Amino acid sequence: MATFSISSSIHVNVPLEVAFAYVADLTRHGEWNPGLRVTAISDSSITVGSRFQSVGHIMGWEIHDELCVMEYQLPVRFAFLVKSLFGEELTHEFMFQPKDSGTLVMRTAIAFPELADRECEVLTLIAICPEPFRLLPSVSR
């Protein structure tokens, strides 16, 4: 199956556990992605299978998606699946490594064929992959 992916990484001056906790709290993603609101559907703490709903605004469109945590390996790996109401899927994978008294955060977004074949949505994917960690230095330790 063909896929489209885009990867980025950033070094942040916070401990591994702090970086992981910030990224794994999907309800905080609106802090670094303006126009995005994520709410929990699941009642428990974040684990594999936890579900969320998101509402985002991209290029004037209101987008409603369902999110599901796919991997939760504290403090080294976190991944979640985004399913649009149109059935398209996008996976966000985050890897965390200690580096230079901080953390190297690596992110890969993977789109599956239905999404990858649409030029407009690929451009949207690129637009929503800016540096998500600009707020990490201000996160409470």
Protein backbone atom coordinates (compact mmCIF):
# COMPACT_ATOMS: atom_id res chain seq x y z
CA MET A 1 0.00 0.00 0.00
CA ALA A 2 1.37 3.42 -0.96
CA THR A 3 1.80 6.06 1.72
CA PHE A 4 2.99 9.63 2.01
CA SER A 5 5.03 10.69 5.02
CA ILE A 6 6.75 13.76 6.35
CA SER A 7 9.19 13.81 9.26
CA SER A 8 10.70 16.49 11.46
CA SER A 9 12.68 16.66 14.67
CA ILE A 10 13.53 19.20 17.30
CA HIS A 11 15.73 19.32 20.37
CA VAL A 12 13.99 20.73 23.45
CA ASN A 13 15.56 21.67 26.76
CA VAL A 14 13.23 19.64 28.96
CA PRO A 15 13.57 16.13 30.40
CA LEU A 16 12.39 13.15 28.37
CA GLU A 17 9.35 12.56 30.60
CA VAL A 18 8.20 16.19 30.33
CA ALA A 19 8.42 16.17 26.52
CA PHE A 20 6.55 12.86 26.34
CA ALA A 21 3.79 14.00 28.72
CA TYR A 22 3.26 17.22 26.76
CA VAL A 23 2.93 15.46 23.40
CA ALA A 24 0.86 12.56 24.76
CA ASP A 25 -1.73 14.97 26.20
CA LEU A 26 -3.72 15.37 23.01
CA THR A 27 -5.99 17.93 24.66
CA ARG A 28 -2.98 20.31 24.72
CA HIS A 29 -2.24 20.09 20.99
CA GLY A 30 -4.26 23.26 20.42
CA GLU A 31 -1.52 25.14 22.32
CA TRP A 32 0.86 24.66 19.38
CA ASN A 33 -1.68 24.21 16.59
CA PRO A 34 -3.89 27.33 16.58
CA GLY A 35 -7.50 26.64 15.69
CA LEU A 36 -7.42 23.04 16.96
CA ARG A 37 -9.53 21.82 19.87
CA VAL A 38 -9.19 18.24 21.11
CA THR A 39 -11.51 16.71 23.69
CA ALA A 40 -11.33 13.30 25.33
CA ILE A 41 -14.05 10.74 24.64
CA SER A 42 -12.49 8.11 26.91
CA ASP A 43 -12.94 8.65 30.64
CA SER A 44 -9.65 7.18 31.83
CA SER A 45 -6.02 8.27 31.64
CA ILE A 46 -4.31 8.18 28.26
CA THR A 47 -3.47 4.62 27.20
CA VAL A 48 -3.53 2.59 24.00
CA GLY A 49 -7.11 2.73 22.75
CA SER A 50 -7.96 6.10 24.33
CA ARG A 51 -10.28 8.06 22.05
CA PHE A 52 -10.59 11.78 21.33
CA GLN A 53 -12.48 14.13 19.03
CA SER A 54 -10.89 17.10 17.34
CA VAL A 55 -12.22 20.16 15.62
CA GLY A 56 -9.75 22.14 13.58
CA HIS A 57 -9.80 25.01 11.16
CA ILE A 58 -7.60 24.67 8.12
CA MET A 59 -7.71 27.08 5.19
CA GLY A 60 -11.18 28.28 6.21
CA TRP A 61 -12.66 24.80 6.62
CA GLU A 62 -13.88 23.31 9.88
CA ILE A 63 -12.56 19.75 10.13
CA HIS A 64 -13.98 17.14 12.54
CA ASP A 65 -11.85 14.06 13.23
CA GLU A 66 -11.70 11.09 15.57
CA LEU A 67 -8.37 10.26 17.23
CA CYS A 68 -7.24 7.01 18.79
CA VAL A 69 -4.00 6.36 20.69
CA MET A 70 -2.16 3.52 18.95
CA GLU A 71 1.11 3.40 20.96
CA TYR A 72 1.99 4.62 24.44
CA GLN A 73 5.48 3.54 25.47
CA LEU A 74 6.44 5.96 28.23
CA PRO A 75 8.76 7.81 27.74
CA VAL A 76 10.08 6.82 24.29
CA ARG A 77 7.22 6.40 21.79
CA PHE A 78 3.71 7.81 21.28
CA ALA A 79 1.44 7.44 18.26
CA PHE A 80 -2.15 8.19 17.40
CA LEU A 81 -4.43 7.66 14.43
CA VAL A 82 -6.61 10.41 13.01
CA LYS A 83 -9.73 9.34 11.12
CA SER A 84 -11.69 11.94 9.23
CA LEU A 85 -15.44 11.77 8.84
CA PHE A 86 -14.69 10.92 5.20
CA GLY A 87 -12.79 7.77 6.20
CA GLU A 88 -9.30 9.09 5.50
CA GLU A 89 -6.53 8.15 7.94
CA LEU A 90 -3.39 9.90 9.13
CA THR A 91 -0.96 8.54 11.72
CA HIS A 92 1.24 10.74 13.90
CA GLU A 93 4.23 8.97 15.45
CA PHE A 94 6.55 10.58 18.01
CA MET A 95 9.87 9.16 19.24
CA PHE A 96 11.79 10.64 22.19
CA GLN A 97 15.52 10.31 22.95
CA PRO A 98 17.63 11.96 25.64
CA LYS A 99 20.17 14.32 24.07
CA ASP A 100 22.46 17.04 25.42
CA SER A 101 20.65 17.45 28.77
CA GLY A 102 17.32 17.69 26.94
CA THR A 103 15.21 15.62 24.58
CA LEU A 104 15.27 14.98 20.85
CA VAL A 105 11.67 14.71 19.65
CA MET A 106 11.17 13.07 16.25
CA ARG A 107 7.80 13.22 14.54
CA THR A 108 6.50 11.41 11.48
CA ALA A 109 3.07 11.96 9.95
CA ILE A 110 1.95 9.20 7.61
CA ALA A 111 -0.98 9.56 5.22
CA PHE A 112 -2.61 6.56 3.63
CA PRO A 113 -3.64 6.31 -0.06
CA GLU A 114 -6.95 8.12 0.08
CA LEU A 115 -5.25 11.13 1.63
CA ALA A 116 -1.93 10.89 -0.18
CA ASP A 117 -3.63 10.95 -3.58
CA ARG A 118 -5.25 14.32 -3.00
CA GLU A 119 -2.96 17.26 -3.65
CA CYS A 120 -4.94 19.70 -1.53
CA GLU A 121 -4.91 17.45 1.51
CA VAL A 122 -1.20 16.73 1.14
CA LEU A 123 -0.61 20.47 1.25
CA THR A 124 -2.78 20.58 4.37
CA LEU A 125 -0.66 17.80 5.91
CA ILE A 126 2.46 19.87 5.30
CA ALA A 127 0.76 22.96 6.71
CA ILE A 128 -0.16 21.21 9.97
CA CYS A 129 3.34 19.83 10.60
CA PRO A 130 5.07 22.99 11.87
CA GLU A 131 7.17 22.95 15.00
CA PRO A 132 4.75 21.74 17.65
CA PHE A 133 7.15 22.21 20.50
CA ARG A 134 7.72 25.94 20.67
CA LEU A 135 5.90 25.99 24.02
CA LEU A 136 7.78 23.09 25.61
CA PRO A 137 10.37 25.21 27.43
CA SER A 138 7.52 26.89 29.32
CA VAL A 139 5.86 23.62 30.34
CA SER A 140 5.96 22.96 34.07
CA ARG A 141 8.47 20.34 35.09
